[in-house]
Amino acid sequence: ITSDRARAYIEPFLPKGVDIERVAAAVRLAIRSDPTGKLGECTQESLVLGAARIQQWRLELGVTAYLIPFKGKAVPVAGYQGLCELVIASKAVRYIEAREVREGDAFTFSFGLEPKLEHRPVYKNRAAITHAYCIIHLPFGRKTFEVMSAADIDAIRQQYSKSWKDG
C-alpha cells in the first residue's frame, strides 16, 4: 500500500489530514481481522485498487466500507452506513435511521395516504429478528419509510450476495 505505485492510485483521493500510512494500517487491520483468512490471499493490486476506491468514495475503510475477498481479489463494498453517508452527501436525504424489530417488540405499520410506523422495542431483547426498517428524513421536513421482513431480507441476500454461504 505504501509503494510508489500504490501511492499514485490512493493519494489523489485522500482527504486533507489523512496520509497513506493510515490507509495502509486500515488495510493491514482488515486483513488481520478477516476470520476467513482469504483477504490476506487476495492480489496486492486488488487490495490497492480496493483501498483507492473506498478513498474515492470518501468512506472509511473498516468502518463504512470494507474489502471483501472474492475469487482471489479484494472487492470494495460500501456498508449500509457508508451508503447512508453517500446519499446524505448527495443532499437528496437529510438523515437515515435503520432499525431491527425482534420477536416480542410492539410493531405496526401501514401505507397509503397517511403512512404510519410505530415501534416499541423491548430493550435487551435478543429474540429473533422479524423485520427491519429505515426512516428517511427528506429535505423540507418530510419523512418516508421502508419495511422488510426478515424472510425478504434473507431471500435478497441469498439471491444477490456472492458469498452469503461463507458467512
N, C-alpha and C. Protein backbone atom coordinates (compact mmCIF):
# COMPACT_ATOMS: atom_id res chain seq x y z
N ILE A 1 0.83 -1.20 0.00
CA ILE A 1 0.00 0.00 0.00
C ILE A 1 0.87 1.26 0.00
N THR A 2 2.04 1.19 0.58
CA THR A 2 2.88 2.39 0.67
C THR A 2 3.91 2.48 -0.46
N SER A 3 3.88 1.55 -1.40
CA SER A 3 4.83 1.63 -2.53
C SER A 3 4.49 2.85 -3.39
N ASP A 4 5.44 3.27 -4.19
CA ASP A 4 5.21 4.44 -5.05
C ASP A 4 4.04 4.22 -6.00
N ARG A 5 3.94 3.01 -6.53
CA ARG A 5 2.85 2.71 -7.46
C ARG A 5 1.48 2.78 -6.75
N ALA A 6 1.41 2.22 -5.55
CA ALA A 6 0.16 2.25 -4.79
C ALA A 6 -0.20 3.68 -4.40
N ARG A 7 0.82 4.46 -3.99
CA ARG A 7 0.58 5.86 -3.63
C ARG A 7 -0.05 6.63 -4.79
N ALA A 8 0.39 6.32 -6.00
CA ALA A 8 -0.14 7.01 -7.18
C ALA A 8 -1.64 6.78 -7.35
N TYR A 9 -2.12 5.62 -6.93
CA TYR A 9 -3.55 5.33 -7.02
C TYR A 9 -4.34 5.95 -5.86
N ILE A 10 -3.77 5.87 -4.66
CA ILE A 10 -4.53 6.22 -3.46
C ILE A 10 -4.44 7.70 -3.08
N GLU A 11 -3.25 8.28 -3.11
CA GLU A 11 -3.07 9.64 -2.60
C GLU A 11 -3.96 10.71 -3.22
N PRO A 12 -4.28 10.64 -4.52
CA PRO A 12 -5.16 11.68 -5.06
C PRO A 12 -6.55 11.72 -4.41
N PHE A 13 -6.95 10.63 -3.77
CA PHE A 13 -8.28 10.56 -3.17
C PHE A 13 -8.29 10.80 -1.66
N LEU A 14 -7.12 10.98 -1.07
CA LEU A 14 -7.06 11.16 0.38
C LEU A 14 -7.58 12.53 0.78
N PRO A 15 -8.46 12.56 1.78
CA PRO A 15 -8.91 13.86 2.28
C PRO A 15 -7.77 14.55 3.02
N LYS A 16 -7.87 15.84 3.15
CA LYS A 16 -6.85 16.60 3.87
C LYS A 16 -6.70 16.04 5.28
N GLY A 17 -5.46 15.89 5.71
CA GLY A 17 -5.18 15.39 7.05
C GLY A 17 -5.06 13.88 7.15
N VAL A 18 -5.35 13.16 6.07
CA VAL A 18 -5.22 11.70 6.08
C VAL A 18 -4.02 11.33 5.21
N ASP A 19 -3.14 10.52 5.75
CA ASP A 19 -1.97 10.11 4.97
C ASP A 19 -2.06 8.64 4.58
N ILE A 20 -1.16 8.24 3.72
CA ILE A 20 -1.16 6.89 3.18
C ILE A 20 -0.93 5.85 4.28
N GLU A 21 -0.22 6.23 5.34
CA GLU A 21 0.05 5.30 6.43
C GLU A 21 -1.25 4.87 7.13
N ARG A 22 -2.18 5.80 7.23
CA ARG A 22 -3.47 5.47 7.86
C ARG A 22 -4.23 4.45 7.01
N VAL A 23 -4.21 4.63 5.69
CA VAL A 23 -4.88 3.69 4.79
C VAL A 23 -4.20 2.32 4.86
N ALA A 24 -2.86 2.33 4.87
CA ALA A 24 -2.11 1.07 4.96
C ALA A 24 -2.45 0.34 6.26
N ALA A 25 -2.55 1.08 7.36
CA ALA A 25 -2.90 0.47 8.65
C ALA A 25 -4.30 -0.12 8.60
N ALA A 26 -5.23 0.57 7.94
CA ALA A 26 -6.60 0.07 7.82
C ALA A 26 -6.64 -1.22 6.99
N VAL A 27 -5.84 -1.28 5.94
CA VAL A 27 -5.79 -2.49 5.11
C VAL A 27 -5.20 -3.64 5.92
N ARG A 28 -4.11 -3.37 6.64
CA ARG A 28 -3.50 -4.42 7.48
C ARG A 28 -4.50 -4.92 8.53
N LEU A 29 -5.22 -4.01 9.14
CA LEU A 29 -6.21 -4.39 10.15
C LEU A 29 -7.33 -5.24 9.52
N ALA A 30 -7.77 -4.86 8.33
CA ALA A 30 -8.82 -5.63 7.64
C ALA A 30 -8.34 -7.05 7.35
N ILE A 31 -7.10 -7.17 6.90
CA ILE A 31 -6.54 -8.49 6.60
C ILE A 31 -6.44 -9.32 7.87
N ARG A 32 -5.95 -8.69 8.91
CA ARG A 32 -5.76 -9.41 10.19
C ARG A 32 -7.10 -9.78 10.84
N SER A 33 -8.12 -8.97 10.63
CA SER A 33 -9.43 -9.20 11.25
C SER A 33 -10.31 -10.15 10.45
N ASP A 34 -9.92 -10.49 9.24
CA ASP A 34 -10.74 -11.35 8.39
C ASP A 34 -10.77 -12.77 8.96
N PRO A 35 -11.92 -13.22 9.44
CA PRO A 35 -11.97 -14.55 10.06
C PRO A 35 -11.72 -15.69 9.08
N THR A 36 -11.93 -15.44 7.79
CA THR A 36 -11.71 -16.50 6.80
C THR A 36 -10.25 -16.61 6.39
N GLY A 37 -9.47 -15.55 6.57
CA GLY A 37 -8.08 -15.52 6.14
C GLY A 37 -7.93 -15.31 4.64
N LYS A 38 -9.05 -15.20 3.93
CA LYS A 38 -9.00 -15.10 2.47
C LYS A 38 -8.57 -13.71 1.99
N LEU A 39 -8.79 -12.68 2.79
CA LEU A 39 -8.40 -11.33 2.36
C LEU A 39 -6.88 -11.23 2.21
N GLY A 40 -6.16 -11.90 3.09
CA GLY A 40 -4.69 -11.91 3.01
C GLY A 40 -4.17 -12.65 1.80
N GLU A 41 -5.00 -13.45 1.17
CA GLU A 41 -4.60 -14.19 -0.03
C GLU A 41 -4.95 -13.44 -1.32
N CYS A 42 -5.61 -12.30 -1.20
CA CYS A 42 -6.00 -11.52 -2.38
C CYS A 42 -4.78 -10.87 -3.02
N THR A 43 -4.90 -10.57 -4.30
CA THR A 43 -3.79 -9.94 -5.01
C THR A 43 -3.50 -8.56 -4.42
N GLN A 44 -2.22 -8.19 -4.43
CA GLN A 44 -1.84 -6.87 -3.93
C GLN A 44 -2.49 -5.77 -4.75
N GLU A 45 -2.59 -5.99 -6.05
CA GLU A 45 -3.21 -4.98 -6.91
C GLU A 45 -4.67 -4.74 -6.51
N SER A 46 -5.41 -5.82 -6.21
CA SER A 46 -6.82 -5.65 -5.83
C SER A 46 -6.95 -4.96 -4.48
N LEU A 47 -6.02 -5.21 -3.57
CA LEU A 47 -6.03 -4.53 -2.27
C LEU A 47 -5.81 -3.03 -2.45
N VAL A 48 -4.85 -2.67 -3.30
CA VAL A 48 -4.55 -1.26 -3.56
C VAL A 48 -5.73 -0.59 -4.26
N LEU A 49 -6.24 -1.22 -5.32
CA LEU A 49 -7.35 -0.62 -6.06
C LEU A 49 -8.61 -0.54 -5.20
N GLY A 50 -8.85 -1.55 -4.37
CA GLY A 50 -10.00 -1.52 -3.47
C GLY A 50 -9.88 -0.40 -2.45
N ALA A 51 -8.70 -0.24 -1.87
CA ALA A 51 -8.48 0.84 -0.90
C ALA A 51 -8.62 2.20 -1.58
N ALA A 52 -8.13 2.32 -2.80
CA ALA A 52 -8.25 3.58 -3.55
C ALA A 52 -9.72 3.90 -3.82
N ARG A 53 -10.49 2.91 -4.21
CA ARG A 53 -11.91 3.12 -4.49
C ARG A 53 -12.64 3.60 -3.24
N ILE A 54 -12.36 2.99 -2.11
CA ILE A 54 -13.01 3.40 -0.86
C ILE A 54 -12.63 4.84 -0.52
N GLN A 55 -11.38 5.22 -0.75
CA GLN A 55 -10.97 6.61 -0.52
C GLN A 55 -11.68 7.54 -1.50
N GLN A 56 -11.85 7.10 -2.73
CA GLN A 56 -12.57 7.90 -3.72
C GLN A 56 -14.01 8.14 -3.28
N TRP A 57 -14.62 7.16 -2.67
CA TRP A 57 -15.99 7.30 -2.17
C TRP A 57 -16.06 8.21 -0.95
N ARG A 58 -14.90 8.52 -0.37
CA ARG A 58 -14.81 9.33 0.86
C ARG A 58 -15.39 8.57 2.06
N LEU A 59 -15.22 7.25 2.05
CA LEU A 59 -15.66 6.42 3.15
C LEU A 59 -14.45 5.92 3.92
N GLU A 60 -14.70 5.37 5.09
CA GLU A 60 -13.63 4.92 5.98
C GLU A 60 -13.52 3.41 5.91
N LEU A 61 -12.35 2.93 5.49
CA LEU A 61 -12.09 1.50 5.38
C LEU A 61 -12.21 0.83 6.74
N GLY A 62 -13.06 -0.17 6.82
CA GLY A 62 -13.27 -0.90 8.06
C GLY A 62 -14.37 -0.32 8.94
N VAL A 63 -14.92 0.83 8.55
CA VAL A 63 -15.98 1.47 9.34
C VAL A 63 -17.25 1.62 8.51
N THR A 64 -17.13 2.25 7.35
CA THR A 64 -18.29 2.47 6.49
C THR A 64 -18.14 1.75 5.13
N ALA A 65 -16.98 1.18 4.89
CA ALA A 65 -16.75 0.40 3.67
C ALA A 65 -15.73 -0.69 3.99
N TYR A 66 -15.78 -1.75 3.20
CA TYR A 66 -14.98 -2.93 3.54
C TYR A 66 -14.35 -3.52 2.29
N LEU A 67 -13.25 -4.24 2.49
CA LEU A 67 -12.66 -5.04 1.43
C LEU A 67 -13.12 -6.47 1.66
N ILE A 68 -13.80 -7.04 0.67
CA ILE A 68 -14.36 -8.38 0.78
C ILE A 68 -13.63 -9.29 -0.20
N PRO A 69 -13.09 -10.42 0.30
CA PRO A 69 -12.40 -11.33 -0.62
C PRO A 69 -13.40 -12.07 -1.51
N PHE A 70 -13.12 -12.08 -2.81
CA PHE A 70 -13.97 -12.79 -3.75
C PHE A 70 -13.11 -13.28 -4.91
N LYS A 71 -12.97 -14.59 -5.02
CA LYS A 71 -12.21 -15.22 -6.10
C LYS A 71 -10.79 -14.65 -6.21
N GLY A 72 -10.13 -14.50 -5.06
CA GLY A 72 -8.73 -14.07 -5.05
C GLY A 72 -8.51 -12.58 -5.16
N LYS A 73 -9.59 -11.82 -5.20
CA LYS A 73 -9.45 -10.37 -5.29
C LYS A 73 -10.19 -9.69 -4.14
N ALA A 74 -9.67 -8.54 -3.72
CA ALA A 74 -10.32 -7.74 -2.69
C ALA A 74 -11.30 -6.80 -3.37
N VAL A 75 -12.57 -6.95 -3.06
CA VAL A 75 -13.62 -6.15 -3.69
C VAL A 75 -14.09 -5.10 -2.69
N PRO A 76 -14.07 -3.80 -3.06
CA PRO A 76 -14.56 -2.77 -2.15
C PRO A 76 -16.09 -2.78 -2.12
N VAL A 77 -16.64 -2.74 -0.91
CA VAL A 77 -18.09 -2.75 -0.73
C VAL A 77 -18.44 -1.72 0.34
N ALA A 78 -19.38 -0.84 0.01
CA ALA A 78 -19.86 0.12 1.00
C ALA A 78 -20.84 -0.60 1.92
N GLY A 79 -20.66 -0.44 3.22
CA GLY A 79 -21.61 -0.96 4.18
C GLY A 79 -22.86 -0.09 4.18
N TYR A 80 -23.89 -0.50 4.90
CA TYR A 80 -25.11 0.30 4.89
C TYR A 80 -24.86 1.69 5.45
N GLN A 81 -23.95 1.81 6.43
CA GLN A 81 -23.63 3.13 6.95
C GLN A 81 -22.97 3.99 5.88
N GLY A 82 -22.11 3.38 5.09
CA GLY A 82 -21.46 4.11 4.00
C GLY A 82 -22.43 4.53 2.94
N LEU A 83 -23.37 3.64 2.59
CA LEU A 83 -24.40 4.01 1.62
C LEU A 83 -25.23 5.18 2.13
N CYS A 84 -25.54 5.15 3.43
CA CYS A 84 -26.28 6.27 4.03
C CYS A 84 -25.47 7.57 3.91
N GLU A 85 -24.18 7.49 4.21
CA GLU A 85 -23.33 8.68 4.10
C GLU A 85 -23.32 9.23 2.68
N LEU A 86 -23.25 8.34 1.70
CA LEU A 86 -23.21 8.79 0.30
C LEU A 86 -24.52 9.47 -0.10
N VAL A 87 -25.65 8.91 0.32
CA VAL A 87 -26.94 9.50 0.00
C VAL A 87 -27.10 10.86 0.68
N ILE A 88 -26.68 10.95 1.93
CA ILE A 88 -26.77 12.21 2.66
C ILE A 88 -25.85 13.26 2.02
N ALA A 89 -24.65 12.84 1.61
CA ALA A 89 -23.72 13.76 0.95
C ALA A 89 -24.28 14.30 -0.36
N SER A 90 -25.16 13.53 -1.00
CA SER A 90 -25.77 13.98 -2.26
C SER A 90 -26.81 15.07 -2.04
N LYS A 91 -27.20 15.29 -0.77
CA LYS A 91 -28.21 16.29 -0.38
C LYS A 91 -29.63 15.87 -0.74
N ALA A 92 -29.82 14.63 -1.20
CA ALA A 92 -31.16 14.13 -1.50
C ALA A 92 -31.89 13.74 -0.23
N VAL A 93 -31.12 13.46 0.82
CA VAL A 93 -31.66 12.99 2.09
C VAL A 93 -30.94 13.74 3.20
N ARG A 94 -31.66 14.05 4.27
CA ARG A 94 -31.04 14.73 5.41
C ARG A 94 -30.50 13.75 6.45
N TYR A 95 -31.21 12.65 6.67
CA TYR A 95 -30.83 11.72 7.72
C TYR A 95 -31.51 10.38 7.44
N ILE A 96 -30.89 9.29 7.86
CA ILE A 96 -31.46 7.96 7.68
C ILE A 96 -31.32 7.19 9.00
N GLU A 97 -32.41 6.60 9.44
CA GLU A 97 -32.41 5.74 10.62
C GLU A 97 -32.70 4.32 10.16
N ALA A 98 -31.92 3.37 10.62
CA ALA A 98 -32.17 1.96 10.32
C ALA A 98 -32.36 1.22 11.64
N ARG A 99 -33.39 0.39 11.70
CA ARG A 99 -33.71 -0.33 12.94
C ARG A 99 -34.10 -1.77 12.62
N GLU A 100 -33.91 -2.62 13.62
CA GLU A 100 -34.37 -4.01 13.53
C GLU A 100 -35.52 -4.20 14.50
N VAL A 101 -36.42 -5.09 14.16
CA VAL A 101 -37.56 -5.43 15.00
C VAL A 101 -37.37 -6.89 15.41
N ARG A 102 -37.56 -7.15 16.69
CA ARG A 102 -37.38 -8.51 17.20
C ARG A 102 -38.70 -9.06 17.73
N GLU A 103 -38.80 -10.37 17.79
CA GLU A 103 -39.98 -11.02 18.36
C GLU A 103 -40.23 -10.43 19.75
N GLY A 104 -41.47 -10.08 20.01
CA GLY A 104 -41.83 -9.51 21.30
C GLY A 104 -41.93 -7.99 21.28
N ASP A 105 -41.33 -7.33 20.29
CA ASP A 105 -41.46 -5.87 20.16
C ASP A 105 -42.87 -5.54 19.70
N ALA A 106 -43.39 -4.39 20.11
CA ALA A 106 -44.67 -3.90 19.59
C ALA A 106 -44.34 -3.17 18.29
N PHE A 107 -44.88 -3.66 17.16
CA PHE A 107 -44.52 -3.11 15.85
C PHE A 107 -45.72 -3.15 14.93
N THR A 108 -46.12 -1.99 14.43
CA THR A 108 -47.18 -1.90 13.42
C THR A 108 -46.79 -0.86 12.39
N PHE A 109 -47.26 -1.07 11.18
CA PHE A 109 -47.05 -0.08 10.13
C PHE A 109 -48.16 -0.20 9.12
N SER A 110 -48.40 0.90 8.41
CA SER A 110 -49.38 0.89 7.33
C SER A 110 -48.94 1.90 6.29
N PHE A 111 -49.32 1.63 5.06
CA PHE A 111 -49.02 2.52 3.95
C PHE A 111 -50.33 3.15 3.48
N GLY A 112 -50.26 4.00 2.51
CA GLY A 112 -51.46 4.63 1.99
C GLY A 112 -51.33 6.14 2.04
N LEU A 113 -52.48 6.83 2.09
CA LEU A 113 -52.46 8.29 2.09
C LEU A 113 -51.84 8.86 3.37
N GLU A 114 -51.97 8.14 4.47
CA GLU A 114 -51.37 8.57 5.73
C GLU A 114 -50.54 7.42 6.30
N PRO A 115 -49.33 7.23 5.76
CA PRO A 115 -48.49 6.13 6.24
C PRO A 115 -48.15 6.29 7.73
N LYS A 116 -48.03 5.15 8.40
CA LYS A 116 -47.74 5.20 9.83
C LYS A 116 -46.84 4.03 10.20
N LEU A 117 -45.87 4.29 11.05
CA LEU A 117 -44.99 3.26 11.56
C LEU A 117 -44.84 3.49 13.06
N GLU A 118 -45.03 2.43 13.83
CA GLU A 118 -44.87 2.53 15.28
C GLU A 118 -44.09 1.31 15.76
N HIS A 119 -43.03 1.57 16.50
CA HIS A 119 -42.19 0.50 17.01
C HIS A 119 -41.82 0.81 18.46
N ARG A 120 -42.20 -0.09 19.33
CA ARG A 120 -41.81 0.00 20.74
C ARG A 120 -41.00 -1.25 21.07
N PRO A 121 -39.66 -1.11 21.04
CA PRO A 121 -38.82 -2.29 21.28
C PRO A 121 -38.79 -2.68 22.74
N VAL A 122 -38.59 -3.96 22.96
CA VAL A 122 -38.32 -4.48 24.29
C VAL A 122 -36.79 -4.46 24.40
N TYR A 123 -36.28 -3.57 25.22
CA TYR A 123 -34.83 -3.44 25.31
C TYR A 123 -34.20 -4.67 25.92
N LYS A 124 -32.98 -4.91 25.52
CA LYS A 124 -32.23 -6.11 25.92
C LYS A 124 -32.90 -7.37 25.37
N ASN A 125 -33.69 -7.20 24.33
CA ASN A 125 -34.37 -8.31 23.68
C ASN A 125 -33.44 -8.91 22.64
N ARG A 126 -33.01 -10.13 22.80
CA ARG A 126 -32.13 -10.79 21.84
C ARG A 126 -32.89 -11.86 21.06
N ALA A 127 -34.21 -11.74 21.01
CA ALA A 127 -35.02 -12.70 20.26
C ALA A 127 -34.73 -12.55 18.77
N ALA A 128 -35.30 -13.43 17.99
CA ALA A 128 -35.08 -13.44 16.55
C ALA A 128 -35.59 -12.14 15.90
N ILE A 129 -34.89 -11.71 14.88
CA ILE A 129 -35.30 -10.53 14.12
C ILE A 129 -36.45 -10.92 13.21
N THR A 130 -37.52 -10.12 13.22
CA THR A 130 -38.68 -10.38 12.38
C THR A 130 -38.75 -9.43 11.20
N HIS A 131 -38.31 -8.19 11.40
CA HIS A 131 -38.38 -7.15 10.36
C HIS A 131 -37.19 -6.20 10.53
N ALA A 132 -36.97 -5.41 9.52
CA ALA A 132 -36.05 -4.27 9.60
C ALA A 132 -36.72 -3.13 8.86
N TYR A 133 -36.40 -1.91 9.27
CA TYR A 133 -36.98 -0.76 8.59
C TYR A 133 -36.00 0.40 8.61
N CYS A 134 -36.22 1.31 7.70
CA CYS A 134 -35.45 2.55 7.72
C CYS A 134 -36.42 3.72 7.55
N ILE A 135 -36.11 4.77 8.27
CA ILE A 135 -36.85 6.03 8.15
C ILE A 135 -35.92 7.00 7.45
N ILE A 136 -36.41 7.60 6.40
CA ILE A 136 -35.61 8.53 5.61
C ILE A 136 -36.15 9.93 5.82
N HIS A 137 -35.31 10.80 6.33
CA HIS A 137 -35.68 12.20 6.56
C HIS A 137 -35.29 12.99 5.31
N LEU A 138 -36.28 13.45 4.61
CA LEU A 138 -36.08 14.17 3.36
C LEU A 138 -35.96 15.68 3.62
N PRO A 139 -35.48 16.42 2.63
CA PRO A 139 -35.47 17.88 2.79
C PRO A 139 -36.88 18.41 3.04
N PHE A 140 -36.97 19.58 3.62
CA PHE A 140 -38.23 20.28 3.88
C PHE A 140 -39.11 19.56 4.91
N GLY A 141 -38.49 18.76 5.79
CA GLY A 141 -39.22 18.16 6.90
C GLY A 141 -40.03 16.93 6.57
N ARG A 142 -40.02 16.46 5.35
CA ARG A 142 -40.78 15.25 5.00
C ARG A 142 -40.02 14.01 5.46
N LYS A 143 -40.78 12.94 5.69
CA LYS A 143 -40.20 11.65 6.07
C LYS A 143 -40.90 10.55 5.28
N THR A 144 -40.19 9.49 5.05
CA THR A 144 -40.77 8.30 4.45
C THR A 144 -40.09 7.10 5.10
N PHE A 145 -40.64 5.91 4.90
CA PHE A 145 -40.02 4.73 5.49
C PHE A 145 -40.21 3.53 4.58
N GLU A 146 -39.39 2.53 4.83
CA GLU A 146 -39.49 1.26 4.12
C GLU A 146 -39.33 0.15 5.16
N VAL A 147 -40.12 -0.91 5.01
CA VAL A 147 -40.11 -2.04 5.94
C VAL A 147 -39.88 -3.31 5.13
N MET A 148 -39.08 -4.23 5.68
CA MET A 148 -38.90 -5.54 5.06
C MET A 148 -38.94 -6.61 6.13
N SER A 149 -39.49 -7.74 5.79
CA SER A 149 -39.48 -8.87 6.72
C SER A 149 -38.10 -9.52 6.69
N ALA A 150 -37.79 -10.23 7.76
CA ALA A 150 -36.51 -10.93 7.82
C ALA A 150 -36.41 -11.96 6.69
N ALA A 151 -37.53 -12.58 6.34
CA ALA A 151 -37.53 -13.57 5.25
C ALA A 151 -37.21 -12.90 3.91
N ASP A 152 -37.76 -11.71 3.66
CA ASP A 152 -37.47 -10.99 2.42
C ASP A 152 -36.00 -10.58 2.36
N ILE A 153 -35.47 -10.13 3.48
CA ILE A 153 -34.06 -9.73 3.54
C ILE A 153 -33.18 -10.93 3.25
N ASP A 154 -33.50 -12.06 3.86
CA ASP A 154 -32.71 -13.27 3.65
C ASP A 154 -32.79 -13.73 2.19
N ALA A 155 -33.97 -13.63 1.58
CA ALA A 155 -34.11 -14.04 0.17
C ALA A 155 -33.25 -13.16 -0.74
N ILE A 156 -33.21 -11.86 -0.46
CA ILE A 156 -32.38 -10.96 -1.26
C ILE A 156 -30.91 -11.29 -1.05
N ARG A 157 -30.54 -11.53 0.19
CA ARG A 157 -29.14 -11.88 0.49
C ARG A 157 -28.74 -13.14 -0.28
N GLN A 158 -29.60 -14.14 -0.27
CA GLN A 158 -29.28 -15.38 -0.97
C GLN A 158 -29.22 -15.20 -2.47
N GLN A 159 -30.05 -14.30 -3.00
CA GLN A 159 -30.08 -14.09 -4.44
C GLN A 159 -28.90 -13.26 -4.93
N TYR A 160 -28.50 -12.24 -4.16
CA TYR A 160 -27.52 -11.28 -4.68
C TYR A 160 -26.14 -11.35 -4.03
N SER A 161 -26.03 -11.90 -2.82
CA SER A 161 -24.72 -11.95 -2.18
C SER A 161 -23.89 -13.04 -2.82
N LYS A 162 -22.67 -12.68 -3.19
CA LYS A 162 -21.81 -13.65 -3.86
C LYS A 162 -21.20 -14.66 -2.89
N SER A 163 -21.24 -14.34 -1.61
CA SER A 163 -20.59 -15.25 -0.65
C SER A 163 -21.41 -15.44 0.62
N TRP A 164 -22.74 -15.39 0.50
CA TRP A 164 -23.56 -15.50 1.70
C TRP A 164 -23.38 -16.81 2.44
N LYS A 165 -23.05 -17.88 1.74
CA LYS A 165 -22.85 -19.17 2.38
C LYS A 165 -21.55 -19.20 3.19
N ASP A 166 -20.63 -18.29 2.87
CA ASP A 166 -19.35 -18.24 3.57
C ASP A 166 -19.38 -17.40 4.83
N GLY A 167 -20.56 -16.90 5.19
CA GLY A 167 -20.67 -16.06 6.37
C GLY A 167 -20.53 -14.63 6.02
